[in-house]
ModelCIF file with pLDDT and N, C-alpha, C, O atoms, coordinates in Angstrom:
data_MODEL
#
_entry.id   MODEL 
#
_entity.id                         1 
_entity.type                       polymer 
_entity.pdbx_number_of_molecules   1 
#
_entity_poly.entity_id                      1 
_entity_poly.type                           'polypeptide(L)' 
_entity_poly.nstd_linkage                   no 
_entity_poly.nstd_monomer                   no 
_entity_poly.pdbx_seq_one_letter_code       FGFERNGTQAEWALLHTRGVVSAQAHYWRGRVTITYDPNIVTEDTLRQ 
_entity_poly.pdbx_seq_one_letter_code_can   FGFERNGTQAEWALLHTRGVVSAQAHYWRGRVTITYDPNIVTEDTLRQ 
_entity_poly.pdbx_strand_id                 A 
#
loop_
_entity_poly_seq.entity_id 
_entity_poly_seq.num 
_entity_poly_seq.mon_id 
_entity_poly_seq.hetero 
1 1  PHE n 
1 2  GLY n 
1 3  PHE n 
1 4  GLU n 
1 5  ARG n 
1 6  ASN n 
1 7  GLY n 
1 8  THR n 
1 9  GLN n 
1 10 ALA n 
1 11 GLU n 
1 12 TRP n 
1 13 ALA n 
1 14 LEU n 
1 15 LEU n 
1 16 HIS n 
1 17 THR n 
1 18 ARG n 
1 19 GLY n 
1 20 VAL n 
1 21 VAL n 
1 22 SER n 
1 23 ALA n 
1 24 GLN n 
1 25 ALA n 
1 26 HIS n 
1 27 TYR n 
1 28 TRP n 
1 29 ARG n 
1 30 GLY n 
1 31 ARG n 
1 32 VAL n 
1 33 THR n 
1 34 ILE n 
1 35 THR n 
1 36 TYR n 
1 37 ASP n 
1 38 PRO n 
1 39 ASN n 
1 40 ILE n 
1 41 VAL n 
1 42 THR n 
1 43 GLU n 
1 44 ASP n 
1 45 THR n 
1 46 LEU n 
1 47 ARG n 
1 48 GLN n 
#
_struct_asym.id          A 
_struct_asym.entity_id   1 
#
loop_
_ma_qa_metric.id 
_ma_qa_metric.mode 
_ma_qa_metric.name 
_ma_qa_metric.software_group_id 
_ma_qa_metric.type 
1 global pLDDT . pLDDT 
2 local  pLDDT . pLDDT 
#
_ma_qa_metric_global.metric_id      1 
_ma_qa_metric_global.metric_value   77.79 
_ma_qa_metric_global.model_id       1 
_ma_qa_metric_global.ordinal_id     1 
#
loop_
_ma_qa_metric_local.label_asym_id 
_ma_qa_metric_local.label_comp_id 
_ma_qa_metric_local.label_seq_id 
_ma_qa_metric_local.metric_id 
_ma_qa_metric_local.metric_value 
_ma_qa_metric_local.model_id 
_ma_qa_metric_local.ordinal_id 
A PHE 1  2 85.00 1 1  
A GLY 2  2 86.00 1 2  
A PHE 3  2 88.00 1 3  
A GLU 4  2 86.00 1 4  
A ARG 5  2 81.00 1 5  
A ASN 6  2 77.00 1 6  
A GLY 7  2 71.00 1 7  
A THR 8  2 67.00 1 8  
A GLN 9  2 66.00 1 9  
A ALA 10 2 70.00 1 10 
A GLU 11 2 72.00 1 11 
A TRP 12 2 68.00 1 12 
A ALA 13 2 70.00 1 13 
A LEU 14 2 74.00 1 14 
A LEU 15 2 68.00 1 15 
A HIS 16 2 67.00 1 16 
A THR 17 2 77.00 1 17 
A ARG 18 2 76.00 1 18 
A GLY 19 2 81.00 1 19 
A VAL 20 2 81.00 1 20 
A VAL 21 2 76.00 1 21 
A SER 22 2 75.00 1 22 
A ALA 23 2 76.00 1 23 
A GLN 24 2 74.00 1 24 
A ALA 25 2 72.00 1 25 
A HIS 26 2 68.00 1 26 
A TYR 27 2 59.00 1 27 
A TRP 28 2 57.00 1 28 
A ARG 29 2 63.00 1 29 
A GLY 30 2 69.00 1 30 
A ARG 31 2 76.00 1 31 
A VAL 32 2 79.00 1 32 
A THR 33 2 82.00 1 33 
A ILE 34 2 84.00 1 34 
A THR 35 2 85.00 1 35 
A TYR 36 2 86.00 1 36 
A ASP 37 2 86.00 1 37 
A PRO 38 2 87.00 1 38 
A ASN 39 2 88.00 1 39 
A ILE 40 2 87.00 1 40 
A VAL 41 2 86.00 1 41 
A THR 42 2 88.00 1 42 
A GLU 43 2 88.00 1 43 
A ASP 44 2 88.00 1 44 
A THR 45 2 87.00 1 45 
A LEU 46 2 86.00 1 46 
A ARG 47 2 86.00 1 47 
A GLN 48 2 85.00 1 48 
#
loop_
_atom_site.group_PDB 
_atom_site.id 
_atom_site.type_symbol 
_atom_site.label_atom_id 
_atom_site.label_alt_id 
_atom_site.label_comp_id 
_atom_site.label_asym_id 
_atom_site.label_entity_id 
_atom_site.label_seq_id 
_atom_site.pdbx_PDB_ins_code 
_atom_site.Cartn_x 
_atom_site.Cartn_y 
_atom_site.Cartn_z 
_atom_site.occupancy 
_atom_site.B_iso_or_equiv 
_atom_site.pdbx_formal_charge 
_atom_site.auth_seq_id 
_atom_site.auth_comp_id 
_atom_site.auth_asym_id 
_atom_site.auth_atom_id 
_atom_site.pdbx_PDB_model_num 
ATOM 1   N N  . PHE A 1 1  ? -6.392  -11.543 24.384  1.00 85.00 ? 1  PHE A N  1 
ATOM 2   C CA . PHE A 1 1  ? -6.540  -10.295 23.639  1.00 85.00 ? 1  PHE A CA 1 
ATOM 3   C C  . PHE A 1 1  ? -5.474  -10.195 22.549  1.00 85.00 ? 1  PHE A C  1 
ATOM 4   O O  . PHE A 1 1  ? -4.441  -10.864 22.583  1.00 85.00 ? 1  PHE A O  1 
ATOM 5   N N  . GLY A 1 2  ? -5.764  -9.354  21.611  1.00 86.00 ? 2  GLY A N  1 
ATOM 6   C CA . GLY A 1 2  ? -4.817  -9.045  20.550  1.00 86.00 ? 2  GLY A CA 1 
ATOM 7   C C  . GLY A 1 2  ? -5.223  -7.743  19.894  1.00 86.00 ? 2  GLY A C  1 
ATOM 8   O O  . GLY A 1 2  ? -6.331  -7.250  20.105  1.00 86.00 ? 2  GLY A O  1 
ATOM 9   N N  . PHE A 1 3  ? -4.329  -7.189  19.103  1.00 88.00 ? 3  PHE A N  1 
ATOM 10  C CA . PHE A 1 3  ? -4.617  -5.989  18.328  1.00 88.00 ? 3  PHE A CA 1 
ATOM 11  C C  . PHE A 1 3  ? -4.239  -6.295  16.886  1.00 88.00 ? 3  PHE A C  1 
ATOM 12  O O  . PHE A 1 3  ? -3.092  -6.627  16.588  1.00 88.00 ? 3  PHE A O  1 
ATOM 13  N N  . GLU A 1 4  ? -5.212  -6.179  16.001  1.00 86.00 ? 4  GLU A N  1 
ATOM 14  C CA . GLU A 1 4  ? -5.024  -6.632  14.629  1.00 86.00 ? 4  GLU A CA 1 
ATOM 15  C C  . GLU A 1 4  ? -5.387  -5.532  13.636  1.00 86.00 ? 4  GLU A C  1 
ATOM 16  O O  . GLU A 1 4  ? -6.127  -4.597  13.942  1.00 86.00 ? 4  GLU A O  1 
ATOM 17  N N  . ARG A 1 5  ? -4.850  -5.680  12.467  1.00 81.00 ? 5  ARG A N  1 
ATOM 18  C CA . ARG A 1 5  ? -5.235  -4.830  11.347  1.00 81.00 ? 5  ARG A CA 1 
ATOM 19  C C  . ARG A 1 5  ? -5.461  -5.726  10.139  1.00 81.00 ? 5  ARG A C  1 
ATOM 20  O O  . ARG A 1 5  ? -4.578  -6.494  9.754   1.00 81.00 ? 5  ARG A O  1 
ATOM 21  N N  . ASN A 1 6  ? -6.633  -5.629  9.547   1.00 77.00 ? 6  ASN A N  1 
ATOM 22  C CA . ASN A 1 6  ? -6.951  -6.379  8.345   1.00 77.00 ? 6  ASN A CA 1 
ATOM 23  C C  . ASN A 1 6  ? -6.820  -5.469  7.147   1.00 77.00 ? 6  ASN A C  1 
ATOM 24  O O  . ASN A 1 6  ? -7.498  -4.445  7.058   1.00 77.00 ? 6  ASN A O  1 
ATOM 25  N N  . GLY A 1 7  ? -5.957  -5.834  6.235   1.00 71.00 ? 7  GLY A N  1 
ATOM 26  C CA . GLY A 1 7  ? -5.692  -5.002  5.075   1.00 71.00 ? 7  GLY A CA 1 
ATOM 27  C C  . GLY A 1 7  ? -6.841  -5.003  4.087   1.00 71.00 ? 7  GLY A C  1 
ATOM 28  O O  . GLY A 1 7  ? -7.583  -5.980  3.980   1.00 71.00 ? 7  GLY A O  1 
ATOM 29  N N  . THR A 1 8  ? -6.982  -3.898  3.365   1.00 67.00 ? 8  THR A N  1 
ATOM 30  C CA . THR A 1 8  ? -8.001  -3.783  2.332   1.00 67.00 ? 8  THR A CA 1 
ATOM 31  C C  . THR A 1 8  ? -7.453  -4.336  1.017   1.00 67.00 ? 8  THR A C  1 
ATOM 32  O O  . THR A 1 8  ? -6.272  -4.665  0.906   1.00 67.00 ? 8  THR A O  1 
ATOM 33  N N  . GLN A 1 9  ? -8.336  -4.429  0.030   1.00 66.00 ? 9  GLN A N  1 
ATOM 34  C CA . GLN A 1 9  ? -7.915  -4.969  -1.261  1.00 66.00 ? 9  GLN A CA 1 
ATOM 35  C C  . GLN A 1 9  ? -6.851  -4.098  -1.909  1.00 66.00 ? 9  GLN A C  1 
ATOM 36  O O  . GLN A 1 9  ? -5.913  -4.601  -2.527  1.00 66.00 ? 9  GLN A O  1 
ATOM 37  N N  . ALA A 1 10 ? -7.004  -2.783  -1.763  1.00 70.00 ? 10 ALA A N  1 
ATOM 38  C CA . ALA A 1 10 ? -6.003  -1.879  -2.338  1.00 70.00 ? 10 ALA A CA 1 
ATOM 39  C C  . ALA A 1 10 ? -4.664  -2.038  -1.627  1.00 70.00 ? 10 ALA A C  1 
ATOM 40  O O  . ALA A 1 10 ? -3.613  -2.054  -2.267  1.00 70.00 ? 10 ALA A O  1 
ATOM 41  N N  . GLU A 1 11 ? -4.706  -2.155  -0.299  1.00 72.00 ? 11 GLU A N  1 
ATOM 42  C CA . GLU A 1 11 ? -3.464  -2.336  0.456   1.00 72.00 ? 11 GLU A CA 1 
ATOM 43  C C  . GLU A 1 11 ? -2.794  -3.656  0.108   1.00 72.00 ? 11 GLU A C  1 
ATOM 44  O O  . GLU A 1 11 ? -1.571  -3.730  -0.011  1.00 72.00 ? 11 GLU A O  1 
ATOM 45  N N  . TRP A 1 12 ? -3.603  -4.698  -0.055  1.00 68.00 ? 12 TRP A N  1 
ATOM 46  C CA . TRP A 1 12 ? -3.045  -6.002  -0.413  1.00 68.00 ? 12 TRP A CA 1 
ATOM 47  C C  . TRP A 1 12 ? -2.364  -5.945  -1.772  1.00 68.00 ? 12 TRP A C  1 
ATOM 48  O O  . TRP A 1 12 ? -1.295  -6.527  -1.956  1.00 68.00 ? 12 TRP A O  1 
ATOM 49  N N  . ALA A 1 13 ? -2.974  -5.247  -2.724  1.00 70.00 ? 13 ALA A N  1 
ATOM 50  C CA . ALA A 1 13 ? -2.382  -5.138  -4.055  1.00 70.00 ? 13 ALA A CA 1 
ATOM 51  C C  . ALA A 1 13 ? -1.027  -4.456  -4.005  1.00 70.00 ? 13 ALA A C  1 
ATOM 52  O O  . ALA A 1 13 ? -0.142  -4.765  -4.803  1.00 70.00 ? 13 ALA A O  1 
ATOM 53  N N  . LEU A 1 14 ? -0.860  -3.527  -3.070  1.00 74.00 ? 14 LEU A N  1 
ATOM 54  C CA . LEU A 1 14 ? 0.403   -2.792  -2.976  1.00 74.00 ? 14 LEU A CA 1 
ATOM 55  C C  . LEU A 1 14 ? 1.436   -3.519  -2.125  1.00 74.00 ? 14 LEU A C  1 
ATOM 56  O O  . LEU A 1 14 ? 2.618   -3.548  -2.468  1.00 74.00 ? 14 LEU A O  1 
ATOM 57  N N  . LEU A 1 15 ? 0.995   -4.104  -1.022  1.00 68.00 ? 15 LEU A N  1 
ATOM 58  C CA . LEU A 1 15 ? 1.944   -4.690  -0.077  1.00 68.00 ? 15 LEU A CA 1 
ATOM 59  C C  . LEU A 1 15 ? 2.613   -5.948  -0.603  1.00 68.00 ? 15 LEU A C  1 
ATOM 60  O O  . LEU A 1 15 ? 3.682   -6.323  -0.123  1.00 68.00 ? 15 LEU A O  1 
ATOM 61  N N  . HIS A 1 16 ? 1.998   -6.612  -1.592  1.00 67.00 ? 16 HIS A N  1 
ATOM 62  C CA . HIS A 1 16 ? 2.670   -7.782  -2.141  1.00 67.00 ? 16 HIS A CA 1 
ATOM 63  C C  . HIS A 1 16 ? 3.643   -7.386  -3.255  1.00 67.00 ? 16 HIS A C  1 
ATOM 64  O O  . HIS A 1 16 ? 4.258   -8.247  -3.884  1.00 67.00 ? 16 HIS A O  1 
ATOM 65  N N  . THR A 1 17 ? 3.778   -6.074  -3.493  1.00 77.00 ? 17 THR A N  1 
ATOM 66  C CA . THR A 1 17 ? 4.698   -5.574  -4.515  1.00 77.00 ? 17 THR A CA 1 
ATOM 67  C C  . THR A 1 17 ? 6.043   -5.280  -3.881  1.00 77.00 ? 17 THR A C  1 
ATOM 68  O O  . THR A 1 17 ? 6.124   -4.587  -2.867  1.00 77.00 ? 17 THR A O  1 
ATOM 69  N N  . ARG A 1 18 ? 7.080   -5.801  -4.472  1.00 76.00 ? 18 ARG A N  1 
ATOM 70  C CA . ARG A 1 18 ? 8.418   -5.574  -3.938  1.00 76.00 ? 18 ARG A CA 1 
ATOM 71  C C  . ARG A 1 18 ? 8.767   -4.094  -4.000  1.00 76.00 ? 18 ARG A C  1 
ATOM 72  O O  . ARG A 1 18 ? 8.533   -3.432  -5.011  1.00 76.00 ? 18 ARG A O  1 
ATOM 73  N N  . GLY A 1 19 ? 9.330   -3.582  -2.908  1.00 81.00 ? 19 GLY A N  1 
ATOM 74  C CA . GLY A 1 19 ? 9.717   -2.181  -2.834  1.00 81.00 ? 19 GLY A CA 1 
ATOM 75  C C  . GLY A 1 19 ? 8.747   -1.338  -2.025  1.00 81.00 ? 19 GLY A C  1 
ATOM 76  O O  . GLY A 1 19 ? 9.072   -0.211  -1.651  1.00 81.00 ? 19 GLY A O  1 
ATOM 77  N N  . VAL A 1 20 ? 7.552   -1.870  -1.747  1.00 81.00 ? 20 VAL A N  1 
ATOM 78  C CA . VAL A 1 20 ? 6.567   -1.141  -0.948  1.00 81.00 ? 20 VAL A CA 1 
ATOM 79  C C  . VAL A 1 20 ? 6.791   -1.460  0.522   1.00 81.00 ? 20 VAL A C  1 
ATOM 80  O O  . VAL A 1 20 ? 6.783   -2.623  0.926   1.00 81.00 ? 20 VAL A O  1 
ATOM 81  N N  . VAL A 1 21 ? 6.991   -0.420  1.311   1.00 76.00 ? 21 VAL A N  1 
ATOM 82  C CA . VAL A 1 21 ? 7.234   -0.594  2.743   1.00 76.00 ? 21 VAL A CA 1 
ATOM 83  C C  . VAL A 1 21 ? 5.920   -0.627  3.514   1.00 76.00 ? 21 VAL A C  1 
ATOM 84  O O  . VAL A 1 21 ? 5.735   -1.476  4.385   1.00 76.00 ? 21 VAL A O  1 
ATOM 85  N N  . SER A 1 22 ? 5.003   0.292   3.202   1.00 75.00 ? 22 SER A N  1 
ATOM 86  C CA . SER A 1 22 ? 3.709   0.339   3.877   1.00 75.00 ? 22 SER A CA 1 
ATOM 87  C C  . SER A 1 22 ? 2.685   0.959   2.946   1.00 75.00 ? 22 SER A C  1 
ATOM 88  O O  . SER A 1 22 ? 3.025   1.696   2.021   1.00 75.00 ? 22 SER A O  1 
ATOM 89  N N  . ALA A 1 23 ? 1.416   0.645   3.213   1.00 76.00 ? 23 ALA A N  1 
ATOM 90  C CA . ALA A 1 23 ? 0.312   1.214   2.435   1.00 76.00 ? 23 ALA A CA 1 
ATOM 91  C C  . ALA A 1 23 ? -0.913  1.273   3.321   1.00 76.00 ? 23 ALA A C  1 
ATOM 92  O O  . ALA A 1 23 ? -1.255  0.296   3.988   1.00 76.00 ? 23 ALA A O  1 
ATOM 93  N N  . GLN A 1 24 ? -1.572  2.414   3.330   1.00 74.00 ? 24 GLN A N  1 
ATOM 94  C CA . GLN A 1 24 ? -2.775  2.588   4.130   1.00 74.00 ? 24 GLN A CA 1 
ATOM 95  C C  . GLN A 1 24 ? -3.822  3.299   3.290   1.00 74.00 ? 24 GLN A C  1 
ATOM 96  O O  . GLN A 1 24 ? -3.605  4.418   2.824   1.00 74.00 ? 24 GLN A O  1 
ATOM 97  N N  . ALA A 1 25 ? -4.988  2.625   3.095   1.00 72.00 ? 25 ALA A N  1 
ATOM 98  C CA . ALA A 1 25 ? -6.050  3.160   2.251   1.00 72.00 ? 25 ALA A CA 1 
ATOM 99  C C  . ALA A 1 25 ? -7.094  3.874   3.098   1.00 72.00 ? 25 ALA A C  1 
ATOM 100 O O  . ALA A 1 25 ? -7.453  3.413   4.182   1.00 72.00 ? 25 ALA A O  1 
ATOM 101 N N  . HIS A 1 26 ? -7.577  5.008   2.589   1.00 68.00 ? 26 HIS A N  1 
ATOM 102 C CA . HIS A 1 26 ? -8.657  5.768   3.209   1.00 68.00 ? 26 HIS A CA 1 
ATOM 103 C C  . HIS A 1 26 ? -9.773  5.853   2.166   1.00 68.00 ? 26 HIS A C  1 
ATOM 104 O O  . HIS A 1 26 ? -9.751  6.713   1.286   1.00 68.00 ? 26 HIS A O  1 
ATOM 105 N N  . TYR A 1 27 ? -10.752 4.943   2.280   1.00 59.00 ? 27 TYR A N  1 
ATOM 106 C CA . TYR A 1 27 ? -11.771 4.860   1.241   1.00 59.00 ? 27 TYR A CA 1 
ATOM 107 C C  . TYR A 1 27 ? -12.690 6.078   1.238   1.00 59.00 ? 27 TYR A C  1 
ATOM 108 O O  . TYR A 1 27 ? -13.137 6.517   0.179   1.00 59.00 ? 27 TYR A O  1 
ATOM 109 N N  . TRP A 1 28 ? -12.972 6.621   2.416   1.00 57.00 ? 28 TRP A N  1 
ATOM 110 C CA . TRP A 1 28 ? -13.862 7.775   2.463   1.00 57.00 ? 28 TRP A CA 1 
ATOM 111 C C  . TRP A 1 28 ? -13.239 8.978   1.761   1.00 57.00 ? 28 TRP A C  1 
ATOM 112 O O  . TRP A 1 28 ? -13.918 9.733   1.066   1.00 57.00 ? 28 TRP A O  1 
ATOM 113 N N  . ARG A 1 29 ? -11.936 9.137   1.957   1.00 63.00 ? 29 ARG A N  1 
ATOM 114 C CA . ARG A 1 29 ? -11.246 10.254  1.324   1.00 63.00 ? 29 ARG A CA 1 
ATOM 115 C C  . ARG A 1 29 ? -10.796 9.933   -0.094  1.00 63.00 ? 29 ARG A C  1 
ATOM 116 O O  . ARG A 1 29 ? -10.380 10.832  -0.825  1.00 63.00 ? 29 ARG A O  1 
ATOM 117 N N  . GLY A 1 30 ? -10.870 8.682   -0.491  1.00 69.00 ? 30 GLY A N  1 
ATOM 118 C CA . GLY A 1 30 ? -10.402 8.301   -1.815  1.00 69.00 ? 30 GLY A CA 1 
ATOM 119 C C  . GLY A 1 30 ? -8.904  8.445   -1.958  1.00 69.00 ? 30 GLY A C  1 
ATOM 120 O O  . GLY A 1 30 ? -8.410  8.884   -2.997  1.00 69.00 ? 30 GLY A O  1 
ATOM 121 N N  . ARG A 1 31 ? -8.169  8.069   -0.900  1.00 76.00 ? 31 ARG A N  1 
ATOM 122 C CA . ARG A 1 31 ? -6.722  8.291   -0.889  1.00 76.00 ? 31 ARG A CA 1 
ATOM 123 C C  . ARG A 1 31 ? -6.016  7.059   -0.344  1.00 76.00 ? 31 ARG A C  1 
ATOM 124 O O  . ARG A 1 31 ? -6.549  6.371   0.527   1.00 76.00 ? 31 ARG A O  1 
ATOM 125 N N  . VAL A 1 32 ? -4.829  6.778   -0.849  1.00 79.00 ? 32 VAL A N  1 
ATOM 126 C CA . VAL A 1 32 ? -3.994  5.719   -0.311  1.00 79.00 ? 32 VAL A CA 1 
ATOM 127 C C  . VAL A 1 32 ? -2.593  6.292   -0.086  1.00 79.00 ? 32 VAL A C  1 
ATOM 128 O O  . VAL A 1 32 ? -2.008  6.896   -0.984  1.00 79.00 ? 32 VAL A O  1 
ATOM 129 N N  . THR A 1 33 ? -2.070  6.097   1.114   1.00 82.00 ? 33 THR A N  1 
ATOM 130 C CA . THR A 1 33 ? -0.742  6.589   1.475   1.00 82.00 ? 33 THR A CA 1 
ATOM 131 C C  . THR A 1 33 ? 0.256   5.446   1.355   1.00 82.00 ? 33 THR A C  1 
ATOM 132 O O  . THR A 1 33 ? 0.090   4.406   1.992   1.00 82.00 ? 33 THR A O  1 
ATOM 133 N N  . ILE A 1 34 ? 1.293   5.632   0.540   1.00 84.00 ? 34 ILE A N  1 
ATOM 134 C CA . ILE A 1 34 ? 2.249   4.567   0.233   1.00 84.00 ? 34 ILE A CA 1 
ATOM 135 C C  . ILE A 1 34 ? 3.653   5.020   0.599   1.00 84.00 ? 34 ILE A C  1 
ATOM 136 O O  . ILE A 1 34 ? 4.075   6.121   0.243   1.00 84.00 ? 34 ILE A O  1 
ATOM 137 N N  . THR A 1 35 ? 4.369   4.168   1.309   1.00 85.00 ? 35 THR A N  1 
ATOM 138 C CA . THR A 1 35 ? 5.796   4.376   1.554   1.00 85.00 ? 35 THR A CA 1 
ATOM 139 C C  . THR A 1 35 ? 6.550   3.314   0.772   1.00 85.00 ? 35 THR A C  1 
ATOM 140 O O  . THR A 1 35 ? 6.335   2.122   0.988   1.00 85.00 ? 35 THR A O  1 
ATOM 141 N N  . TYR A 1 36 ? 7.434   3.728   -0.138  1.00 86.00 ? 36 TYR A N  1 
ATOM 142 C CA . TYR A 1 36 ? 8.102   2.766   -1.012  1.00 86.00 ? 36 TYR A CA 1 
ATOM 143 C C  . TYR A 1 36 ? 9.522   3.219   -1.326  1.00 86.00 ? 36 TYR A C  1 
ATOM 144 O O  . TYR A 1 36 ? 9.890   4.374   -1.113  1.00 86.00 ? 36 TYR A O  1 
ATOM 145 N N  . ASP A 1 37 ? 10.301  2.282   -1.834  1.00 86.00 ? 37 ASP A N  1 
ATOM 146 C CA . ASP A 1 37 ? 11.689  2.543   -2.216  1.00 86.00 ? 37 ASP A CA 1 
ATOM 147 C C  . ASP A 1 37 ? 11.729  2.828   -3.713  1.00 86.00 ? 37 ASP A C  1 
ATOM 148 O O  . ASP A 1 37 ? 11.518  1.908   -4.504  1.00 86.00 ? 37 ASP A O  1 
ATOM 149 N N  . PRO A 1 38 ? 11.991  4.069   -4.136  1.00 87.00 ? 38 PRO A N  1 
ATOM 150 C CA . PRO A 1 38 ? 11.981  4.402   -5.570  1.00 87.00 ? 38 PRO A CA 1 
ATOM 151 C C  . PRO A 1 38 ? 13.079  3.709   -6.362  1.00 87.00 ? 38 PRO A C  1 
ATOM 152 O O  . PRO A 1 38 ? 13.030  3.667   -7.591  1.00 87.00 ? 38 PRO A O  1 
ATOM 153 N N  . ASN A 1 39 ? 14.076  3.162   -5.659  1.00 88.00 ? 39 ASN A N  1 
ATOM 154 C CA . ASN A 1 39 ? 15.138  2.438   -6.367  1.00 88.00 ? 39 ASN A CA 1 
ATOM 155 C C  . ASN A 1 39 ? 14.677  1.029   -6.772  1.00 88.00 ? 39 ASN A C  1 
ATOM 156 O O  . ASN A 1 39 ? 15.325  0.376   -7.589  1.00 88.00 ? 39 ASN A O  1 
ATOM 157 N N  . ILE A 1 40 ? 13.574  0.570   -6.207  1.00 87.00 ? 40 ILE A N  1 
ATOM 158 C CA . ILE A 1 40 ? 13.091  -0.782  -6.500  1.00 87.00 ? 40 ILE A CA 1 
ATOM 159 C C  . ILE A 1 40 ? 11.810  -0.760  -7.317  1.00 87.00 ? 40 ILE A C  1 
ATOM 160 O O  . ILE A 1 40 ? 11.654  -1.551  -8.246  1.00 87.00 ? 40 ILE A O  1 
ATOM 161 N N  . VAL A 1 41 ? 10.888  0.140   -6.980  1.00 86.00 ? 41 VAL A N  1 
ATOM 162 C CA . VAL A 1 41 ? 9.595   0.191   -7.661  1.00 86.00 ? 41 VAL A CA 1 
ATOM 163 C C  . VAL A 1 41 ? 9.300   1.629   -8.069  1.00 86.00 ? 41 VAL A C  1 
ATOM 164 O O  . VAL A 1 41 ? 9.625   2.570   -7.344  1.00 86.00 ? 41 VAL A O  1 
ATOM 165 N N  . THR A 1 42 ? 8.687   1.789   -9.227  1.00 88.00 ? 42 THR A N  1 
ATOM 166 C CA . THR A 1 42 ? 8.376   3.118   -9.744  1.00 88.00 ? 42 THR A CA 1 
ATOM 167 C C  . THR A 1 42 ? 6.932   3.497   -9.429  1.00 88.00 ? 42 THR A C  1 
ATOM 168 O O  . THR A 1 42 ? 6.108   2.649   -9.087  1.00 88.00 ? 42 THR A O  1 
ATOM 169 N N  . GLU A 1 43 ? 6.651   4.782   -9.553  1.00 88.00 ? 43 GLU A N  1 
ATOM 170 C CA . GLU A 1 43 ? 5.286   5.263   -9.304  1.00 88.00 ? 43 GLU A CA 1 
ATOM 171 C C  . GLU A 1 43 ? 4.313   4.706   -10.334 1.00 88.00 ? 43 GLU A C  1 
ATOM 172 O O  . GLU A 1 43 ? 3.161   4.416   -10.013 1.00 88.00 ? 43 GLU A O  1 
ATOM 173 N N  . ASP A 1 44 ? 4.779   4.555   -11.580 1.00 88.00 ? 44 ASP A N  1 
ATOM 174 C CA . ASP A 1 44 ? 3.911   3.993   -12.619 1.00 88.00 ? 44 ASP A CA 1 
ATOM 175 C C  . ASP A 1 44 ? 3.502   2.557   -12.280 1.00 88.00 ? 44 ASP A C  1 
ATOM 176 O O  . ASP A 1 44 ? 2.367   2.154   -12.534 1.00 88.00 ? 44 ASP A O  1 
ATOM 177 N N  . THR A 1 45 ? 4.434   1.789   -11.706 1.00 87.00 ? 45 THR A N  1 
ATOM 178 C CA . THR A 1 45 ? 4.116   0.422   -11.308 1.00 87.00 ? 45 THR A CA 1 
ATOM 179 C C  . THR A 1 45 ? 3.056   0.402   -10.213 1.00 87.00 ? 45 THR A C  1 
ATOM 180 O O  . THR A 1 45 ? 2.146   -0.426  -10.241 1.00 87.00 ? 45 THR A O  1 
ATOM 181 N N  . LEU A 1 46 ? 3.173   1.308   -9.257  1.00 86.00 ? 46 LEU A N  1 
ATOM 182 C CA . LEU A 1 46 ? 2.190   1.384   -8.178  1.00 86.00 ? 46 LEU A CA 1 
ATOM 183 C C  . LEU A 1 46 ? 0.818   1.773   -8.711  1.00 86.00 ? 46 LEU A C  1 
ATOM 184 O O  . LEU A 1 46 ? -0.202  1.235   -8.278  1.00 86.00 ? 46 LEU A O  1 
ATOM 185 N N  . ARG A 1 47 ? 0.800   2.710   -9.653  1.00 86.00 ? 47 ARG A N  1 
ATOM 186 C CA . ARG A 1 47 ? -0.473  3.091   -10.263 1.00 86.00 ? 47 ARG A CA 1 
ATOM 187 C C  . ARG A 1 47 ? -1.109  1.912   -10.988 1.00 86.00 ? 47 ARG A C  1 
ATOM 188 O O  . ARG A 1 47 ? -2.326  1.731   -10.939 1.00 86.00 ? 47 ARG A O  1 
ATOM 189 N N  . GLN A 1 48 ? -0.300  1.125   -11.649 1.00 85.00 ? 48 GLN A N  1 
ATOM 190 C CA . GLN A 1 48 ? -0.814  -0.021  -12.380 1.00 85.00 ? 48 GLN A CA 1 
ATOM 191 C C  . GLN A 1 48 ? -1.346  -1.079  -11.428 1.00 85.00 ? 48 GLN A C  1 
ATOM 192 O O  . GLN A 1 48 ? -1.823  -2.124  -11.872 1.00 85.00 ? 48 GLN A O  1 
#
C-alpha cells in the first residue's frame, strides 16, 4: 500500500519555481492556494 498525490499542471508550474513551498489547485472552484517566500519570489512571477 501507499498514499500518493499526483500534482496537476498548474501545481507543477508553481512547485518547480524557487520560493514556492506548496501549491494546491482546485479546478472546480477555479482557485489555486500557494504558500511561498516573498523574499525569494514575487506575486507577479507566480502569476506569470
